[in-house]
Protein backbone atom coordinates (compact mmCIF):
# COMPACT_ATOMS: atom_id res chain seq x y z
CA MET A 1 177.39 15.55 20.22
CA THR A 2 180.90 14.17 20.05
CA GLY A 3 183.27 12.19 22.22
CA SER A 4 183.08 8.60 23.44
CA PRO A 5 180.41 6.30 21.98
CA LEU A 6 177.12 6.58 23.83
CA PRO A 7 175.74 3.66 25.80
CA PRO A 8 172.94 1.83 23.95
CA LEU A 9 170.12 3.34 26.00
CA ALA A 10 171.49 6.86 25.51
CA ARG A 11 171.80 6.28 21.77
CA LYS A 12 168.20 5.12 21.73
CA VAL A 13 166.75 8.21 23.43
CA ARG A 14 169.02 10.59 21.51
CA ARG A 15 167.90 9.13 18.18
CA ALA A 16 164.23 9.32 19.19
CA TYR A 17 164.62 12.90 20.38
CA LEU A 18 166.33 13.92 17.13
CA ASN A 19 163.67 12.24 15.02
CA ARG A 20 160.78 13.80 16.95
CA PHE A 21 162.07 17.33 17.48
CA ASP A 22 164.54 17.67 14.59
CA SER A 23 167.24 18.88 16.97
CA GLU A 24 169.78 17.48 19.38
CA PRO A 25 168.81 17.19 23.06
CA GLU A 26 170.54 19.67 25.32
CA ILE A 27 171.44 16.98 27.82
CA ILE A 28 171.23 13.21 28.28
CA ILE A 29 171.24 11.82 31.80
CA MET A 30 170.90 8.43 33.47
CA ALA A 31 169.01 7.91 36.73
CA PRO A 32 169.56 4.44 38.24
CA GLY A 33 167.22 2.13 40.02
CA ARG A 34 168.20 0.60 43.32
CA ILE A 35 168.35 -2.55 45.33
CA ASN A 36 168.00 -2.63 49.09
CA LEU A 37 170.10 -5.17 50.93
CA ILE A 38 168.07 -4.84 54.11
CA GLY A 39 165.84 -2.32 55.85
CA GLU A 40 162.40 -2.67 54.28
CA HIS A 41 159.49 -0.38 55.16
CA THR A 42 161.70 1.35 57.72
CA ASP A 43 162.33 4.53 55.74
CA TYR A 44 158.89 6.11 56.21
CA ASN A 45 159.18 5.13 59.87
CA LEU A 46 162.39 7.22 60.13
CA GLY A 47 164.59 4.18 60.58
CA TYR A 48 167.70 2.81 58.85
CA VAL A 49 168.04 1.42 55.34
CA LEU A 50 170.91 -0.07 53.34
CA PRO A 51 170.27 0.40 49.59
CA GLY A 52 172.57 0.82 46.62
CA ALA A 53 172.17 2.15 43.08
CA VAL A 54 172.38 -0.43 40.28
CA GLN A 55 173.54 -0.41 36.66
CA TYR A 56 169.99 -0.33 35.31
CA GLY A 57 167.90 2.82 35.17
CA VAL A 58 166.00 5.42 33.20
CA CYS A 59 167.74 7.46 30.50
CA PHE A 60 166.43 10.93 29.61
CA ALA A 61 167.08 13.17 26.61
CA LEU A 62 165.97 16.71 27.51
CA GLY A 63 165.75 20.07 25.82
CA PRO A 64 163.73 23.29 26.00
CA ASN A 65 160.38 23.47 24.22
CA VAL A 66 159.94 26.60 22.09
CA GLN A 67 156.19 26.12 21.58
CA ASN A 68 155.19 26.85 25.19
CA ARG A 69 154.20 23.29 26.03
CA HIS A 70 155.64 20.11 27.45
CA THR A 71 156.08 17.25 25.02
CA TRP A 72 157.05 14.03 26.76
CA ILE A 73 157.64 10.67 25.13
CA ALA A 74 157.70 7.43 27.12
CA MET A 75 159.34 5.17 24.57
CA ASP A 76 158.71 1.91 26.39
CA LYS A 77 155.00 2.67 26.73
CA ARG A 78 154.84 4.09 23.19
CA GLN A 79 153.07 7.13 24.56
CA GLU A 80 153.49 10.81 23.76
CA VAL A 81 151.86 13.37 26.03
CA VAL A 82 151.57 17.10 25.34
CA LEU A 83 150.77 19.39 28.26
CA SER A 84 149.88 23.03 27.78
CA GLY A 85 147.71 25.63 29.47
CA ALA A 86 146.15 24.32 32.69
CA GLY A 87 147.72 20.93 31.97
CA VAL A 88 151.11 22.13 33.15
CA THR A 89 149.89 22.22 36.76
CA GLN A 90 147.26 19.48 36.99
CA GLN A 91 147.77 15.85 37.93
CA ARG A 92 146.79 13.17 35.45
CA GLY A 93 147.11 10.07 37.61
CA ASP A 94 149.74 8.39 35.43
CA TRP A 95 153.50 8.43 34.81
CA THR A 96 153.42 12.08 33.80
CA ASP A 97 152.78 13.09 37.43
CA TYR A 98 156.35 12.15 38.36
CA LEU A 99 157.74 14.38 35.61
CA LEU A 100 155.27 17.20 36.13
CA GLY A 101 155.80 17.19 39.88
CA ALA A 102 159.55 17.44 39.28
CA TRP A 103 159.14 20.37 36.87
CA LEU A 104 156.87 22.19 39.33
CA ALA A 105 159.43 21.62 42.11
CA ILE A 106 162.14 23.16 39.94
CA GLY A 107 159.79 26.10 39.43
CA ARG A 108 160.00 26.81 43.14
CA GLN A 109 163.78 27.15 42.75
CA LEU A 110 163.74 29.09 39.50
CA PRO A 111 160.67 31.20 38.63
CA ASN A 112 159.17 30.54 35.20
CA PRO A 113 161.34 27.60 34.15
CA PRO A 114 161.14 26.73 30.46
CA LEU A 115 158.76 24.02 29.35
CA VAL A 116 160.64 20.98 28.15
CA ASN A 117 160.82 18.22 25.61
CA ALA A 118 161.68 14.88 27.16
CA VAL A 119 162.24 11.45 25.70
CA PHE A 120 163.01 8.60 28.07
CA SER A 121 163.48 4.86 28.08
CA ALA A 122 164.50 2.35 30.72
CA ASP A 123 166.29 -0.95 31.01
CA LEU A 124 164.92 -1.15 34.56
CA PRO A 125 162.17 -3.78 34.93
CA GLU A 126 158.96 -1.94 35.84
CA GLY A 127 157.13 -3.44 38.79
CA ALA A 128 160.17 -5.41 39.96
CA GLY A 129 160.67 -3.34 43.11
CA LEU A 130 163.75 -1.53 41.77
CA SER A 131 162.12 1.89 42.11
CA SER A 132 161.54 2.87 38.51
CA SER A 133 159.17 5.61 39.70
CA SER A 134 161.82 7.34 41.82
CA ALA A 135 164.28 7.03 38.94
CA LEU A 136 161.72 8.94 36.84
CA THR A 137 161.37 11.69 39.43
CA CYS A 138 165.06 11.99 40.22
CA GLY A 139 166.00 11.80 36.56
CA MET A 140 163.74 14.69 35.64
CA LEU A 141 164.88 16.79 38.60
CA PHE A 142 168.56 16.08 38.04
CA GLY A 143 168.30 16.68 34.31
CA LEU A 144 166.47 19.97 34.76
CA GLN A 145 168.89 21.29 37.37
CA GLN A 146 171.80 20.40 35.10
CA MET A 147 170.12 21.91 32.05
CA LEU A 148 169.22 25.13 33.88
CA GLY A 149 172.51 25.47 35.78
CA LEU A 150 171.01 25.34 39.27
CA SER A 151 173.28 24.79 42.26
CA LEU A 152 171.50 21.97 44.06
CA GLU A 153 173.23 19.34 46.16
CA ARG A 154 172.46 15.74 45.37
CA ALA A 155 170.91 15.20 48.78
CA ASP A 156 168.67 18.22 48.19
CA ILE A 157 167.49 16.79 44.87
CA ALA A 158 166.73 13.50 46.63
CA TRP A 159 164.65 15.33 49.22
CA MET A 160 162.81 17.27 46.52
CA ALA A 161 162.03 14.01 44.71
CA HIS A 162 160.67 12.53 47.93
CA GLN A 163 158.39 15.53 48.38
CA VAL A 164 157.18 15.26 44.79
CA GLU A 165 156.22 11.62 45.24
CA ARG A 166 154.62 12.18 48.62
CA GLU A 167 152.81 15.48 48.07
CA PHE A 168 152.12 15.57 44.32
CA VAL A 169 151.89 11.89 43.36
CA GLY A 170 150.42 10.83 46.71
CA LEU A 171 152.58 7.83 47.65
CA GLN A 172 153.33 7.79 51.39
CA GLY A 173 156.81 6.34 51.01
CA GLY A 174 160.06 7.30 52.64
CA ILE A 175 163.31 8.78 51.40
CA MET A 176 165.31 5.64 50.60
CA ASP A 177 164.67 5.27 46.87
CA GLN A 178 165.44 8.86 45.96
CA HIS A 179 168.60 9.04 48.08
CA ALA A 180 169.91 5.78 46.63
CA CYS A 181 169.28 7.12 43.13
CA MET A 182 171.10 10.40 43.79
CA LEU A 183 173.82 9.34 46.25
CA GLY A 184 174.71 5.87 45.03
CA LYS A 185 178.39 5.02 44.59
CA ALA A 186 179.84 2.13 42.60
CA GLY A 187 180.91 -0.75 44.83
CA HIS A 188 179.17 0.70 47.89
CA LEU A 189 175.94 0.43 49.82
CA LEU A 190 174.36 3.52 51.36
CA LEU A 191 173.65 3.45 55.08
CA LEU A 192 170.92 6.08 55.37
CA ASP A 193 169.43 7.36 58.61
CA CYS A 194 165.94 8.37 57.53
CA ARG A 195 165.37 10.54 60.59
CA ASP A 196 168.15 13.07 60.09
CA ARG A 197 169.04 12.11 56.46
CA SER A 198 172.67 11.50 57.38
CA PHE A 199 174.40 8.82 55.33
CA GLU A 200 177.57 6.80 55.02
CA GLN A 201 179.03 4.96 52.04
CA ILE A 202 179.66 1.33 53.04
CA PRO A 203 182.10 -0.67 50.87
CA PHE A 204 180.70 -3.94 49.58
CA ALA A 205 183.23 -6.67 48.72
CA THR A 206 181.84 -7.59 45.32
CA GLU A 207 184.88 -9.69 44.50
CA ASP A 208 183.86 -12.08 47.28
CA MET A 209 180.09 -11.97 46.94
CA THR A 210 177.50 -11.54 44.23
CA LEU A 211 174.03 -10.08 44.32
CA PHE A 212 171.28 -11.20 42.00
CA LEU A 213 167.54 -10.85 41.80
CA ILE A 214 164.81 -13.26 40.81
CA ASN A 215 161.78 -11.40 39.53
CA THR A 216 158.46 -13.09 40.29
CA ASN A 217 156.96 -11.27 37.29
CA VAL A 218 153.80 -10.70 39.29
CA LYS A 219 152.39 -7.62 40.94
CA HIS A 220 149.42 -8.06 43.22
CA ASN A 221 148.14 -4.51 42.92
CA LEU A 222 150.33 -2.91 45.58
CA THR A 223 150.46 0.59 44.05
CA GLU A 224 149.47 3.38 46.38
CA THR A 225 146.62 1.64 48.21
CA ASP A 226 148.33 -1.22 50.06
CA TYR A 227 151.59 0.66 50.56
CA ASN A 228 149.76 3.62 52.05
CA THR A 229 147.76 1.28 54.28
CA ARG A 230 150.96 0.06 55.94
CA ALA A 231 152.13 3.65 56.42
CA ASP A 232 148.76 4.52 57.95
CA GLU A 233 148.95 1.55 60.32
CA CYS A 234 152.38 2.63 61.53
CA ARG A 235 151.20 6.19 62.00
CA GLN A 236 148.20 4.94 63.96
CA ALA A 237 150.47 2.88 66.19
CA VAL A 238 152.63 5.92 66.90
CA GLU A 239 149.54 7.95 67.86
CA ILE A 240 148.50 5.26 70.34
CA ILE A 241 151.95 4.87 71.87
CA ALA A 242 152.40 8.67 72.04
CA GLN A 243 149.47 8.85 74.44
CA HIS A 244 151.65 7.00 76.96
CA HIS A 245 155.25 7.78 75.96
CA PRO A 246 156.98 10.78 74.32
CA VAL A 247 157.47 9.31 70.82
CA GLU A 248 157.18 10.93 67.40
CA SER A 249 157.84 7.92 65.17
CA LEU A 250 158.49 4.20 65.45
CA ARG A 251 162.17 5.10 65.58
CA ASP A 252 161.54 6.33 69.14
CA VAL A 253 159.69 3.19 70.29
CA ASP A 254 161.26 0.29 72.20
CA GLU A 255 160.17 -3.29 72.80
CA GLN A 256 159.20 -2.66 76.41
CA GLN A 257 156.68 -0.03 75.33
CA VAL A 258 155.23 -2.44 72.79
CA ASP A 259 154.91 -5.14 75.45
CA GLN A 260 153.09 -2.70 77.75
CA LEU A 261 150.68 -1.53 75.06
CA SER A 262 150.16 -4.67 72.97
CA GLU A 263 146.55 -5.08 74.09
CA THR A 264 145.80 -1.45 73.31
CA LEU A 265 147.53 -1.67 69.95
CA GLY A 266 145.82 -4.91 69.03
CA PRO A 267 147.42 -7.84 67.21
CA VAL A 268 147.78 -6.22 63.77
CA LEU A 269 149.48 -2.99 64.86
CA THR A 270 151.64 -4.91 67.34
CA ARG A 271 152.93 -7.11 64.51
CA ARG A 272 153.66 -4.07 62.34
CA VAL A 273 155.59 -2.30 65.10
CA ARG A 274 157.59 -5.38 66.10
CA PHE A 275 158.69 -5.89 62.51
CA VAL A 276 159.92 -2.30 62.13
CA LEU A 277 161.86 -2.41 65.40
CA ALA A 278 163.48 -5.72 64.48
CA GLU A 279 164.28 -4.58 60.94
CA ASN A 280 166.09 -1.49 62.21
CA ARG A 281 168.21 -3.73 64.43
CA ARG A 282 168.94 -6.00 61.49
CA VAL A 283 170.28 -3.09 59.43
CA LEU A 284 172.75 -2.09 62.13
CA GLN A 285 173.76 -5.71 62.70
CA THR A 286 174.35 -6.07 58.95
CA ILE A 287 176.73 -3.09 59.00
CA ALA A 288 178.78 -4.73 61.74
CA PHE A 289 178.86 -8.06 59.89
CA LEU A 290 179.85 -6.36 56.63
CA GLY A 291 182.92 -5.00 58.40
CA GLN A 292 183.77 -8.56 59.44
CA GLN A 293 182.77 -10.00 56.03
CA ASN A 294 180.59 -12.45 57.96
CA TRP A 295 178.38 -13.42 55.03
CA GLU A 296 176.67 -16.30 56.83
CA ALA A 297 175.46 -13.98 59.57
CA ILE A 298 174.25 -11.43 57.01
CA GLY A 299 172.46 -14.22 55.18
CA ARG A 300 170.62 -15.20 58.35
CA LEU A 301 169.50 -11.59 58.80
CA LEU A 302 168.16 -11.54 55.25
CA GLN A 303 166.15 -14.67 55.95
CA GLU A 304 164.83 -13.18 59.18
CA SER A 305 163.83 -10.06 57.27
CA HIS A 306 161.82 -12.10 54.78
CA ASP A 307 160.11 -14.02 57.56
CA GLY A 308 159.13 -10.75 59.21
CA LEU A 309 157.85 -9.25 55.98
CA GLN A 310 155.79 -12.38 55.42
CA THR A 311 154.30 -12.95 58.86
CA GLN A 312 154.51 -9.61 60.73
CA TYR A 313 154.28 -6.92 58.08
CA GLU A 314 152.27 -9.14 55.73
CA VAL A 315 153.46 -7.68 52.44
CA SER A 316 154.78 -10.86 50.82
CA CYS A 317 152.90 -13.23 48.49
CA PRO A 318 153.08 -16.94 47.59
CA GLU A 319 155.35 -16.28 44.62
CA LEU A 320 157.89 -14.39 46.72
CA ASP A 321 157.72 -16.94 49.52
CA SER A 322 158.29 -19.80 47.09
CA LEU A 323 161.39 -18.20 45.57
CA ALA A 324 162.76 -17.29 49.00
CA GLN A 325 162.32 -20.89 50.15
CA LEU A 326 164.00 -22.29 47.03
CA THR A 327 166.99 -19.97 47.26
CA ASN A 328 167.50 -20.15 50.99
CA ALA A 329 167.78 -23.94 50.68
CA GLN A 330 170.99 -23.57 48.61
CA SER A 331 174.29 -23.86 50.48
CA TRP A 332 176.03 -21.38 48.13
CA ILE A 333 173.35 -18.72 48.72
CA HIS A 334 173.91 -17.13 52.11
CA GLY A 335 170.47 -15.56 52.29
CA ALA A 336 167.54 -14.28 50.27
CA ARG A 337 164.53 -12.15 50.97
CA MET A 338 161.77 -10.29 49.22
CA MET A 339 162.79 -6.74 48.31
CA GLY A 340 160.68 -3.66 47.79
CA GLY A 341 157.15 -2.67 48.71
CA GLY A 342 155.84 -6.21 48.43
CA PHE A 343 152.97 -8.20 46.89
CA GLY A 344 155.26 -9.08 43.97
CA GLY A 345 158.54 -7.90 42.55
CA CYS A 346 161.88 -9.55 43.30
CA VAL A 347 163.72 -11.76 45.71
CA LEU A 348 167.24 -10.49 46.45
CA CYS A 349 169.94 -13.14 46.85
CA LEU A 350 173.35 -12.77 48.51
CA ALA A 351 175.47 -15.56 47.07
CA GLN A 352 178.99 -16.88 46.65
CA ARG A 353 178.66 -16.87 42.85
CA PRO A 354 176.20 -16.01 40.09
CA PRO A 355 173.44 -18.57 39.46
CA ASP A 356 174.46 -21.19 36.94
CA GLU A 357 172.23 -22.53 34.18
CA ALA A 358 171.30 -25.70 36.06
CA PHE A 359 170.07 -23.76 39.10
CA GLN A 360 168.13 -21.33 36.95
CA GLU A 361 166.43 -24.20 35.16
CA GLN A 362 165.59 -25.84 38.48
CA VAL A 363 163.97 -22.68 39.84
CA ILE A 364 162.14 -21.86 36.63
CA SER A 365 160.75 -25.40 36.38
CA ALA A 366 159.51 -25.50 40.00
CA TYR A 367 158.07 -22.00 39.80
CA ARG A 368 156.33 -22.59 36.47
CA GLU A 369 154.80 -25.83 37.73
CA ARG A 370 153.28 -24.04 40.72
CA PHE A 371 152.37 -20.63 39.30
CA GLY A 372 152.16 -21.10 35.54
CA LEU A 373 154.78 -18.52 34.59
CA ALA A 374 158.54 -18.19 34.61
CA PRO A 375 160.61 -15.98 36.91
CA THR A 376 163.45 -13.84 35.54
CA PHE A 377 167.02 -13.78 36.85
CA ILE A 378 168.69 -10.36 37.02
CA GLN A 379 172.37 -9.94 37.83
CA VAL A 380 173.05 -6.61 39.57
CA ARG A 381 176.11 -4.62 40.50
CA LEU A 382 176.38 -1.54 42.66
CA ALA A 383 176.72 1.54 40.46
CA ASP A 384 176.96 5.32 40.66
CA GLY A 385 173.96 7.53 41.22
CA ALA A 386 172.33 9.85 38.67
CA ARG A 387 174.84 11.17 36.19
CA VAL A 388 175.20 13.20 33.02
CA VAL A 389 175.85 10.93 30.05
CA VAL A 390 176.50 13.77 27.59
CA ARG A 391 175.68 17.42 27.20
C-alpha cells in the first residue's frame, strides 16, 4: 500500500492485520459515528431526524479468508473470533452479530460470498450514544460491497444495515444511525424523513457555532430491553388510535386525536405520543431557524427536547439531567440536551465556542461531587460518511 500517510487508526488496523494474517488487507475503510442535533426516538416512529456523521468512527481492515472461515479481531476488546461451519449463520449474542448479519445480507446480493478476515478498531466512545453499533454494521457492509465490487447505493447500504440490526440483531430501532453513517457530509446535517427515506443535506455554520459532547460515562443498562420497550409502547399507542382513526404510525397522529383518546391510551402512552409529536415539530422548527441562523431559538428547542425526554419519554437519568442543567445555565451555550437512546451516554451542547479549561473543571468538580466519577468532554465536527481509506 502506497500513497499518502495513513491516519493513525488505519495504520493500527493495517499493522494488526499484517501481523495476524501475514498479508496486506485488500481494503481499509472508515465508518463514522454520528451525533443527532434533534429528533430523538422519532426515527422508529417514521418521523424526522437531524443527525450528522462525526470525525470519530470504526476503522476496518478486510480481506478474503482462504481457509473457509471467518476470522474477526476486535482490537479494542482484545478478542479474536473464528466462525466456521454452522457458526457462519448462527447468532452469538455479541458484537459478532453485527458483522455476521452484514455478511449474510451481502450474501443475498451475491451468492456464496467469500468468508473474510476482519480487523477493526474504533476511536468512537462505546456506550456514549454515538452509534458505534451501526458504525460496525455499516462498516462491514460498505467494506464488503467495495471489496466485492457490488453496485449498491449508499442509501441502500443504510437500509440493509437497518434491517440487519432490526431482524438479525433484534434491536427495534429506526433508520437514523445507519443513514447518518452512510450519507453524512462534512459541514452538513442530514434532514431525514424516516417514513419515505428522503433526505436533504443542511449546511451547518460551524464557523459561527461549535458542537461538543459531555459523556456521562454511565450506561444504565439500556441495551435492547429498555429501547425496545419504548418502541413497543409507541406501537401499542398506534394500535389503539388506529381503532378510531386511519393511522399507521405516530407520524399520522395529531394532537386532537391524542386529546380525544387520552383516557383510552392511559397516562404513560399519552406521554410517549405527545413527546414524539412535539419532537417532530421541533425538528422542522430547527430547520427553519438554521436558515435564519437563530441559534437562541434552536437552543430553546434543544432544552425543550431534553425536558420531553426526561419527563414524557422517560429515557433520561440523573447524570444526564445534571449535565443538561449545568450547561443550559451558561450564557455562551445556547442549548443542551441528552442525545441517543438514553439512560446514559452524552449531553450535546450547541455553543458559541469550545469549552475552556475553567468550565471543564467546574463541570467535572460538580459532577464528581454528586456522582463519584468524572465526565468526559468530546469536541465533534461534522464529517463525511463511510469512506475508503485505502485499497
